[in-house]
Every structure is written in structure tokens, then in C-alpha cells.
Amino acid sequence: MNFRGSTGYGRRFWEASFGQWGLSMQDDITD
């Protein structure tokens, strides 16, 4: 999966990963 922060999907999707290691980035994997 290309969880939030993965490149290629625009700046907003990339910025959604800031400060989110182990948090919402991990939630994307869990989801």
C-alpha cells in the first residue's frame, strides 16, 4: 500500500505524514 506520505499523490497527501510515524501512517497499513 502507498500509505500517506508516499510520493506521487500530491503535496497534501505527502504532508499528511508529517509527525505521523507510528500513528496515522501506521493506521493506513492497519486499515
Full PDB file with SEQRES, HELIX, SHEET, SSBOND, CRYST1, ORIGX, SCALE, CONECT and MASTER records, all heavy atoms in Angstrom:
SEQRES   1 A   31  MET ASN PHE ARG GLY SER THR GLY TYR GLY ARG ARG PHE          
SEQRES   2 A   31  TRP GLU ALA SER PHE GLY GLN TRP GLY LEU SER MET GLN          
SEQRES   3 A   31  ASP ASP ILE THR ASP                                          
HELIX    1 AA1 ARG A   11  GLU A   15  1                                   5    
HELIX    2 AA2 SER A   24  THR A   30  1                                   7    
CRYST1    1.000    1.000    1.000  90.00  90.00  90.00 P 1           1          
ORIGX1      1.000000  0.000000  0.000000        0.00000                         
ORIGX2      0.000000  1.000000  0.000000        0.00000                         
ORIGX3      0.000000  0.000000  1.000000        0.00000                         
SCALE1      1.000000  0.000000  0.000000        0.00000                         
SCALE2      0.000000  1.000000  0.000000        0.00000                         
SCALE3      0.000000  0.000000  1.000000        0.00000                         
ATOM      1  N   MET A   1       0.841  -1.201   0.000  1.00  0.00           N  
ATOM      2  CA  MET A   1       0.000   0.000   0.000  1.00  0.00           C  
ATOM      3  C   MET A   1       0.875   1.251   0.000  1.00  0.00           C  
ATOM      4  O   MET A   1       1.953   1.289   0.588  1.00  0.00           O  
ATOM      5  CB  MET A   1      -0.942   0.020   1.206  1.00  0.00           C  
ATOM      6  CG  MET A   1      -0.279   0.266   2.540  1.00  0.00           C  
ATOM      7  SD  MET A   1       0.715  -1.115   3.137  1.00  0.00           S  
ATOM      8  CE  MET A   1      -0.593  -2.291   3.472  1.00  0.00           C  
ATOM      9  N   ASN A   2       0.371   2.267  -0.675  1.00  0.00           N  
ATOM     10  CA  ASN A   2       1.020   3.571  -0.656  1.00  0.00           C  
ATOM     11  C   ASN A   2       0.332   4.439   0.395  1.00  0.00           C  
ATOM     12  O   ASN A   2      -0.542   5.246   0.098  1.00  0.00           O  
ATOM     13  CB  ASN A   2       0.979   4.207  -2.048  1.00  0.00           C  
ATOM     14  CG  ASN A   2       1.933   3.506  -2.996  1.00  0.00           C  
ATOM     15  OD1 ASN A   2       3.035   3.138  -2.627  1.00  0.00           O  
ATOM     16  ND2 ASN A   2       1.496   3.302  -4.225  1.00  0.00           N  
ATOM     17  N   PHE A   3       0.755   4.205   1.639  1.00  0.00           N  
ATOM     18  CA  PHE A   3       0.205   4.918   2.796  1.00  0.00           C  
ATOM     19  C   PHE A   3       0.494   6.421   2.668  1.00  0.00           C  
ATOM     20  O   PHE A   3       1.304   6.847   1.845  1.00  0.00           O  
ATOM     21  CB  PHE A   3       0.816   4.354   4.084  1.00  0.00           C  
ATOM     22  CG  PHE A   3       2.304   4.137   3.981  1.00  0.00           C  
ATOM     23  CD1 PHE A   3       3.204   5.191   4.104  1.00  0.00           C  
ATOM     24  CD2 PHE A   3       2.823   2.870   3.725  1.00  0.00           C  
ATOM     25  CE1 PHE A   3       4.573   4.996   3.992  1.00  0.00           C  
ATOM     26  CE2 PHE A   3       4.192   2.663   3.610  1.00  0.00           C  
ATOM     27  CZ  PHE A   3       5.061   3.738   3.741  1.00  0.00           C  
ATOM     28  N   ARG A   4      -0.157   7.217   3.498  1.00  0.00           N  
ATOM     29  CA  ARG A   4       0.050   8.670   3.447  1.00  0.00           C  
ATOM     30  C   ARG A   4       1.546   8.983   3.605  1.00  0.00           C  
ATOM     31  O   ARG A   4       2.260   8.324   4.370  1.00  0.00           O  
ATOM     32  CB  ARG A   4      -0.773   9.387   4.514  1.00  0.00           C  
ATOM     33  CG  ARG A   4      -0.311   9.190   5.948  1.00  0.00           C  
ATOM     34  CD  ARG A   4      -1.333   9.750   6.917  1.00  0.00           C  
ATOM     35  NE  ARG A   4      -2.556   8.934   6.886  1.00  0.00           N  
ATOM     36  CZ  ARG A   4      -3.742   9.376   7.277  1.00  0.00           C  
ATOM     37  NH1 ARG A   4      -3.887  10.601   7.753  1.00  0.00           N  
ATOM     38  NH2 ARG A   4      -4.794   8.578   7.207  1.00  0.00           N  
ATOM     39  N   GLY A   5       1.992   9.966   2.830  1.00  0.00           N  
ATOM     40  CA  GLY A   5       3.413  10.268   2.776  1.00  0.00           C  
ATOM     41  C   GLY A   5       4.082   9.682   1.559  1.00  0.00           C  
ATOM     42  O   GLY A   5       5.154  10.148   1.151  1.00  0.00           O  
ATOM     43  N   SER A   6       3.480   8.658   0.956  1.00  0.00           N  
ATOM     44  CA  SER A   6       4.027   8.097  -0.274  1.00  0.00           C  
ATOM     45  C   SER A   6       4.028   9.175  -1.355  1.00  0.00           C  
ATOM     46  O   SER A   6       3.097   9.971  -1.470  1.00  0.00           O  
ATOM     47  CB  SER A   6       3.199   6.897  -0.737  1.00  0.00           C  
ATOM     48  OG  SER A   6       3.184   5.875   0.244  1.00  0.00           O  
ATOM     49  N   THR A   7       5.072   9.189  -2.141  1.00  0.00           N  
ATOM     50  CA  THR A   7       5.203  10.231  -3.144  1.00  0.00           C  
ATOM     51  C   THR A   7       4.384   9.902  -4.383  1.00  0.00           C  
ATOM     52  O   THR A   7       4.038   8.753  -4.642  1.00  0.00           O  
ATOM     53  CB  THR A   7       6.672  10.423  -3.531  1.00  0.00           C  
ATOM     54  OG1 THR A   7       7.229   9.155  -3.903  1.00  0.00           O  
ATOM     55  CG2 THR A   7       7.471  10.977  -2.364  1.00  0.00           C  
ATOM     56  N   GLY A   8       4.101  10.947  -5.149  1.00  0.00           N  
ATOM     57  CA  GLY A   8       3.373  10.784  -6.396  1.00  0.00           C  
ATOM     58  C   GLY A   8       1.917  11.175  -6.322  1.00  0.00           C  
ATOM     59  O   GLY A   8       1.265  11.328  -7.356  1.00  0.00           O  
ATOM     60  N   TYR A   9       1.392  11.379  -5.099  1.00  0.00           N  
ATOM     61  CA  TYR A   9      -0.032  11.657  -4.927  1.00  0.00           C  
ATOM     62  C   TYR A   9      -0.303  13.101  -4.509  1.00  0.00           C  
ATOM     63  O   TYR A   9      -1.392  13.416  -4.037  1.00  0.00           O  
ATOM     64  CB  TYR A   9      -0.628  10.692  -3.904  1.00  0.00           C  
ATOM     65  CG  TYR A   9      -0.529   9.249  -4.335  1.00  0.00           C  
ATOM     66  CD1 TYR A   9       0.491   8.431  -3.870  1.00  0.00           C  
ATOM     67  CD2 TYR A   9      -1.441   8.711  -5.235  1.00  0.00           C  
ATOM     68  CE1 TYR A   9       0.594   7.108  -4.276  1.00  0.00           C  
ATOM     69  CE2 TYR A   9      -1.350   7.386  -5.641  1.00  0.00           C  
ATOM     70  CZ  TYR A   9      -0.323   6.591  -5.156  1.00  0.00           C  
ATOM     71  OH  TYR A   9      -0.228   5.286  -5.568  1.00  0.00           O  
ATOM     72  N   GLY A  10       0.681  13.963  -4.671  1.00  0.00           N  
ATOM     73  CA  GLY A  10       0.475  15.370  -4.378  1.00  0.00           C  
ATOM     74  C   GLY A  10       1.001  15.778  -3.018  1.00  0.00           C  
ATOM     75  O   GLY A  10       1.324  14.964  -2.155  1.00  0.00           O  
ATOM     76  N   ARG A  11       1.102  17.111  -2.873  1.00  0.00           N  
ATOM     77  CA  ARG A  11       1.696  17.670  -1.665  1.00  0.00           C  
ATOM     78  C   ARG A  11       0.853  17.395  -0.428  1.00  0.00           C  
ATOM     79  O   ARG A  11       1.395  17.066   0.635  1.00  0.00           O  
ATOM     80  CB  ARG A  11       1.866  19.179  -1.846  1.00  0.00           C  
ATOM     81  CG  ARG A  11       2.612  19.836  -0.692  1.00  0.00           C  
ATOM     82  CD  ARG A  11       2.387  21.332  -0.595  1.00  0.00           C  
ATOM     83  NE  ARG A  11       2.495  21.982  -1.888  1.00  0.00           N  
ATOM     84  CZ  ARG A  11       2.796  23.269  -2.029  1.00  0.00           C  
ATOM     85  NH1 ARG A  11       3.032  24.002  -0.964  1.00  0.00           N  
ATOM     86  NH2 ARG A  11       2.836  23.820  -3.216  1.00  0.00           N  
ATOM     87  N   ARG A  12      -0.465  17.521  -0.519  1.00  0.00           N  
ATOM     88  CA  ARG A  12      -1.304  17.336   0.674  1.00  0.00           C  
ATOM     89  C   ARG A  12      -1.188  15.918   1.216  1.00  0.00           C  
ATOM     90  O   ARG A  12      -1.131  15.718   2.438  1.00  0.00           O  
ATOM     91  CB  ARG A  12      -2.764  17.677   0.348  1.00  0.00           C  
ATOM     92  CG  ARG A  12      -3.037  19.166   0.180  1.00  0.00           C  
ATOM     93  CD  ARG A  12      -4.531  19.468   0.095  1.00  0.00           C  
ATOM     94  NE  ARG A  12      -5.124  18.905  -1.111  1.00  0.00           N  
ATOM     95  CZ  ARG A  12      -5.179  19.538  -2.277  1.00  0.00           C  
ATOM     96  NH1 ARG A  12      -4.659  20.748  -2.406  1.00  0.00           N  
ATOM     97  NH2 ARG A  12      -5.750  18.970  -3.329  1.00  0.00           N  
ATOM     98  N   PHE A  13      -1.163  14.932   0.330  1.00  0.00           N  
ATOM     99  CA  PHE A  13      -1.046  13.538   0.764  1.00  0.00           C  
ATOM    100  C   PHE A  13       0.310  13.302   1.421  1.00  0.00           C  
ATOM    101  O   PHE A  13       0.423  12.574   2.410  1.00  0.00           O  
ATOM    102  CB  PHE A  13      -1.228  12.611  -0.443  1.00  0.00           C  
ATOM    103  CG  PHE A  13      -1.384  11.163  -0.097  1.00  0.00           C  
ATOM    104  CD1 PHE A  13      -2.592  10.660   0.351  1.00  0.00           C  
ATOM    105  CD2 PHE A  13      -0.315  10.283  -0.233  1.00  0.00           C  
ATOM    106  CE1 PHE A  13      -2.740   9.315   0.676  1.00  0.00           C  
ATOM    107  CE2 PHE A  13      -0.449   8.938   0.083  1.00  0.00           C  
ATOM    108  CZ  PHE A  13      -1.665   8.459   0.539  1.00  0.00           C  
ATOM    109  N   TRP A  14       1.347  13.922   0.880  1.00  0.00           N  
ATOM    110  CA  TRP A  14       2.694  13.810   1.456  1.00  0.00           C  
ATOM    111  C   TRP A  14       2.748  14.478   2.824  1.00  0.00           C  
ATOM    112  O   TRP A  14       3.239  13.907   3.795  1.00  0.00           O  
ATOM    113  CB  TRP A  14       3.674  14.446   0.477  1.00  0.00           C  
ATOM    114  CG  TRP A  14       5.084  14.605   0.946  1.00  0.00           C  
ATOM    115  CD1 TRP A  14       5.952  13.618   1.284  1.00  0.00           C  
ATOM    116  CD2 TRP A  14       5.799  15.835   1.105  1.00  0.00           C  
ATOM    117  NE1 TRP A  14       7.179  14.155   1.644  1.00  0.00           N  
ATOM    118  CE2 TRP A  14       7.093  15.507   1.538  1.00  0.00           C  
ATOM    119  CE3 TRP A  14       5.465  17.173   0.913  1.00  0.00           C  
ATOM    120  CZ2 TRP A  14       8.066  16.483   1.786  1.00  0.00           C  
ATOM    121  CZ3 TRP A  14       6.430  18.142   1.153  1.00  0.00           C  
ATOM    122  CH2 TRP A  14       7.709  17.794   1.593  1.00  0.00           C  
ATOM    123  N   GLU A  15       2.201  15.699   2.919  1.00  0.00           N  
ATOM    124  CA  GLU A  15       2.247  16.430   4.181  1.00  0.00           C  
ATOM    125  C   GLU A  15       1.437  15.748   5.275  1.00  0.00           C  
ATOM    126  O   GLU A  15       1.708  15.943   6.470  1.00  0.00           O  
ATOM    127  CB  GLU A  15       1.737  17.855   3.978  1.00  0.00           C  
ATOM    128  CG  GLU A  15       2.674  18.741   3.180  1.00  0.00           C  
ATOM    129  CD  GLU A  15       2.131  20.148   3.017  1.00  0.00           C  
ATOM    130  OE1 GLU A  15       1.013  20.421   3.532  1.00  0.00           O  
ATOM    131  OE2 GLU A  15       2.810  20.975   2.387  1.00  0.00           O  
ATOM    132  N   ALA A  16       0.451  14.941   4.884  1.00  0.00           N  
ATOM    133  CA  ALA A  16      -0.373  14.247   5.880  1.00  0.00           C  
ATOM    134  C   ALA A  16       0.437  13.261   6.708  1.00  0.00           C  
ATOM    135  O   ALA A  16      -0.037  12.782   7.738  1.00  0.00           O  
ATOM    136  CB  ALA A  16      -1.535  13.529   5.192  1.00  0.00           C  
ATOM    137  N   SER A  17       1.678  12.974   6.271  1.00  0.00           N  
ATOM    138  CA  SER A  17       2.528  12.029   7.011  1.00  0.00           C  
ATOM    139  C   SER A  17       3.401  12.711   8.054  1.00  0.00           C  
ATOM    140  O   SER A  17       4.023  12.026   8.878  1.00  0.00           O  
ATOM    141  CB  SER A  17       3.435  11.281   6.029  1.00  0.00           C  
ATOM    142  OG  SER A  17       4.429  12.147   5.485  1.00  0.00           O  
ATOM    143  N   PHE A  18       3.467  14.032   8.051  1.00  0.00           N  
ATOM    144  CA  PHE A  18       4.409  14.716   8.931  1.00  0.00           C  
ATOM    145  C   PHE A  18       4.046  14.457  10.394  1.00  0.00           C  
ATOM    146  O   PHE A  18       2.905  14.654  10.816  1.00  0.00           O  
ATOM    147  CB  PHE A  18       4.413  16.214   8.665  1.00  0.00           C  
ATOM    148  CG  PHE A  18       4.983  16.611   7.316  1.00  0.00           C  
ATOM    149  CD1 PHE A  18       5.430  15.652   6.417  1.00  0.00           C  
ATOM    150  CD2 PHE A  18       5.089  17.936   6.961  1.00  0.00           C  
ATOM    151  CE1 PHE A  18       5.954  16.007   5.185  1.00  0.00           C  
ATOM    152  CE2 PHE A  18       5.619  18.308   5.737  1.00  0.00           C  
ATOM    153  CZ  PHE A  18       6.043  17.347   4.845  1.00  0.00           C  
ATOM    154  N   GLY A  19       5.033  13.995  11.135  1.00  0.00           N  
ATOM    155  CA  GLY A  19       4.821  13.701  12.547  1.00  0.00           C  
ATOM    156  C   GLY A  19       3.958  12.486  12.802  1.00  0.00           C  
ATOM    157  O   GLY A  19       3.468  12.305  13.926  1.00  0.00           O  
ATOM    158  N   GLN A  20       3.797  11.625  11.799  1.00  0.00           N  
ATOM    159  CA  GLN A  20       2.837  10.525  11.917  1.00  0.00           C  
ATOM    160  C   GLN A  20       3.469   9.137  11.838  1.00  0.00           C  
ATOM    161  O   GLN A  20       2.756   8.162  11.619  1.00  0.00           O  
ATOM    162  CB  GLN A  20       1.750  10.678  10.854  1.00  0.00           C  
ATOM    163  CG  GLN A  20       0.880  11.919  11.029  1.00  0.00           C  
ATOM    164  CD  GLN A  20       0.166  11.910  12.376  1.00  0.00           C  
ATOM    165  OE1 GLN A  20      -0.482  10.936  12.745  1.00  0.00           O  
ATOM    166  NE2 GLN A  20       0.300  13.000  13.130  1.00  0.00           N  
ATOM    167  N   TRP A  21       4.793   9.041  12.005  1.00  0.00           N  
ATOM    168  CA  TRP A  21       5.392   7.706  12.101  1.00  0.00           C  
ATOM    169  C   TRP A  21       4.774   6.989  13.305  1.00  0.00           C  
ATOM    170  O   TRP A  21       4.727   7.524  14.410  1.00  0.00           O  
ATOM    171  CB  TRP A  21       6.900   7.812  12.295  1.00  0.00           C  
ATOM    172  CG  TRP A  21       7.687   8.193  11.076  1.00  0.00           C  
ATOM    173  CD1 TRP A  21       7.360   9.121  10.148  1.00  0.00           C  
ATOM    174  CD2 TRP A  21       8.953   7.650  10.680  1.00  0.00           C  
ATOM    175  NE1 TRP A  21       8.341   9.208   9.192  1.00  0.00           N  
ATOM    176  CE2 TRP A  21       9.337   8.314   9.496  1.00  0.00           C  
ATOM    177  CE3 TRP A  21       9.799   6.678  11.214  1.00  0.00           C  
ATOM    178  CZ2 TRP A  21      10.537   8.035   8.830  1.00  0.00           C  
ATOM    179  CZ3 TRP A  21      10.994   6.404  10.558  1.00  0.00           C  
ATOM    180  CH2 TRP A  21      11.355   7.067   9.380  1.00  0.00           C  
ATOM    181  N   GLY A  22       4.295   5.791  13.075  1.00  0.00           N  
ATOM    182  CA  GLY A  22       3.701   5.010  14.162  1.00  0.00           C  
ATOM    183  C   GLY A  22       2.292   5.432  14.520  1.00  0.00           C  
ATOM    184  O   GLY A  22       1.669   4.814  15.390  1.00  0.00           O  
ATOM    185  N   LEU A  23       1.763   6.454  13.862  1.00  0.00           N  
ATOM    186  CA  LEU A  23       0.416   6.953  14.166  1.00  0.00           C  
ATOM    187  C   LEU A  23      -0.469   6.770  12.935  1.00  0.00           C  
ATOM    188  O   LEU A  23      -0.767   5.647  12.566  1.00  0.00           O  
ATOM    189  CB  LEU A  23       0.504   8.410  14.639  1.00  0.00           C  
ATOM    190  CG  LEU A  23       1.366   8.608  15.905  1.00  0.00           C  
ATOM    191  CD1 LEU A  23       1.603  10.080  16.189  1.00  0.00           C  
ATOM    192  CD2 LEU A  23       0.722   7.925  17.092  1.00  0.00           C  
ATOM    193  N   SER A  24      -0.891   7.849  12.261  1.00  0.00           N  
ATOM    194  CA  SER A  24      -1.825   7.668  11.146  1.00  0.00           C  
ATOM    195  C   SER A  24      -1.182   6.958   9.962  1.00  0.00           C  
ATOM    196  O   SER A  24      -1.878   6.282   9.191  1.00  0.00           O  
ATOM    197  CB  SER A  24      -2.402   9.018  10.712  1.00  0.00           C  
ATOM    198  OG  SER A  24      -1.394   9.895  10.261  1.00  0.00           O  
ATOM    199  N   MET A  25       0.146   7.091   9.785  1.00  0.00           N  
ATOM    200  CA  MET A  25       0.806   6.308   8.733  1.00  0.00           C  
ATOM    201  C   MET A  25       0.645   4.823   9.008  1.00  0.00           C  
ATOM    202  O   MET A  25       0.403   4.028   8.094  1.00  0.00           O  
ATOM    203  CB  MET A  25       2.293   6.676   8.642  1.00  0.00           C  
ATOM    204  CG  MET A  25       2.563   8.091   8.156  1.00  0.00           C  
ATOM    205  SD  MET A  25       4.312   8.539   8.294  1.00  0.00           S  
ATOM    206  CE  MET A  25       5.008   7.618   6.924  1.00  0.00           C  
ATOM    207  N   GLN A  26       0.777   4.451  10.272  1.00  0.00           N  
ATOM    208  CA  GLN A  26       0.612   3.044  10.648  1.00  0.00           C  
ATOM    209  C   GLN A  26      -0.855   2.634  10.555  1.00  0.00           C  
ATOM    210  O   GLN A  26      -1.171   1.496  10.167  1.00  0.00           O  
ATOM    211  CB  GLN A  26       1.137   2.818  12.064  1.00  0.00           C  
ATOM    212  CG  GLN A  26       1.378   1.359  12.396  1.00  0.00           C  
ATOM    213  CD  GLN A  26       2.528   0.761  11.603  1.00  0.00           C  
ATOM    214  OE1 GLN A  26       3.492   1.446  11.290  1.00  0.00           O  
ATOM    215  NE2 GLN A  26       2.440  -0.520  11.276  1.00  0.00           N  
ATOM    216  N   ASP A  27      -1.761   3.568  10.876  1.00  0.00           N  
ATOM    217  CA  ASP A  27      -3.188   3.272  10.744  1.00  0.00           C  
ATOM    218  C   ASP A  27      -3.548   2.924   9.300  1.00  0.00           C  
ATOM    219  O   ASP A  27      -4.401   2.057   9.056  1.00  0.00           O  
ATOM    220  CB  ASP A  27      -4.029   4.469  11.199  1.00  0.00           C  
ATOM    221  CG  ASP A  27      -3.964   4.711  12.697  1.00  0.00           C  
ATOM    222  OD1 ASP A  27      -3.574   3.788  13.434  1.00  0.00           O  
ATOM    223  OD2 ASP A  27      -4.302   5.833  13.120  1.00  0.00           O  
ATOM    224  N   ASP A  28      -2.917   3.619   8.334  1.00  0.00           N  
ATOM    225  CA  ASP A  28      -3.190   3.308   6.931  1.00  0.00           C  
ATOM    226  C   ASP A  28      -2.843   1.859   6.605  1.00  0.00           C  
ATOM    227  O   ASP A  28      -3.535   1.202   5.824  1.00  0.00           O  
ATOM    228  CB  ASP A  28      -2.387   4.233   6.017  1.00  0.00           C  
ATOM    229  CG  ASP A  28      -2.850   5.679   6.080  1.00  0.00           C  
ATOM    230  OD1 ASP A  28      -3.942   5.932   6.611  1.00  0.00           O  
ATOM    231  OD2 ASP A  28      -2.100   6.554   5.600  1.00  0.00           O  
ATOM    232  N   ILE A  29      -1.764   1.363   7.206  1.00  0.00           N  
ATOM    233  CA  ILE A  29      -1.369  -0.026   6.989  1.00  0.00           C  
ATOM    234  C   ILE A  29      -2.356  -0.967   7.682  1.00  0.00           C  
ATOM    235  O   ILE A  29      -2.821  -1.954   7.091  1.00  0.00           O  
ATOM    236  CB  ILE A  29       0.072  -0.244   7.500  1.00  0.00           C  
ATOM    237  CG1 ILE A  29       1.050   0.641   6.713  1.00  0.00           C  
ATOM    238  CG2 ILE A  29       0.464  -1.718   7.403  1.00  0.00           C  
ATOM    239  CD1 ILE A  29       2.440   0.706   7.313  1.00  0.00           C  
ATOM    240  N   THR A  30      -2.690  -0.640   8.915  1.00  0.00           N  
ATOM    241  CA  THR A  30      -3.660  -1.448   9.656  1.00  0.00           C  
ATOM    242  C   THR A  30      -5.000  -1.496   8.930  1.00  0.00           C  
ATOM    243  O   THR A  30      -5.643  -2.555   8.836  1.00  0.00           O  
ATOM    244  CB  THR A  30      -3.852  -0.877  11.071  1.00  0.00           C  
ATOM    245  OG1 THR A  30      -2.580  -0.851  11.741  1.00  0.00           O  
ATOM    246  CG2 THR A  30      -4.833  -1.714  11.875  1.00  0.00           C  
ATOM    247  N   ASP A  31      -5.425  -0.342   8.383  1.00  0.00           N  
ATOM    248  CA  ASP A  31      -6.692  -0.315   7.654  1.00  0.00           C  
ATOM    249  C   ASP A  31      -6.626  -1.197   6.408  1.00  0.00           C  
ATOM    250  O   ASP A  31      -7.637  -1.790   6.006  1.00  0.00           O  
ATOM    251  CB  ASP A  31      -7.044   1.120   7.264  1.00  0.00           C  
ATOM    252  CG  ASP A  31      -7.395   1.982   8.465  1.00  0.00           C  
ATOM    253  OD1 ASP A  31      -7.583   1.424   9.565  1.00  0.00           O  
ATOM    254  OD2 ASP A  31      -7.468   3.219   8.309  1.00  0.00           O  
TER     255      ASP A  31                                                      
MASTER        0    0    0    2    0    0    0    6  254    1    0    3          
END                                                                             
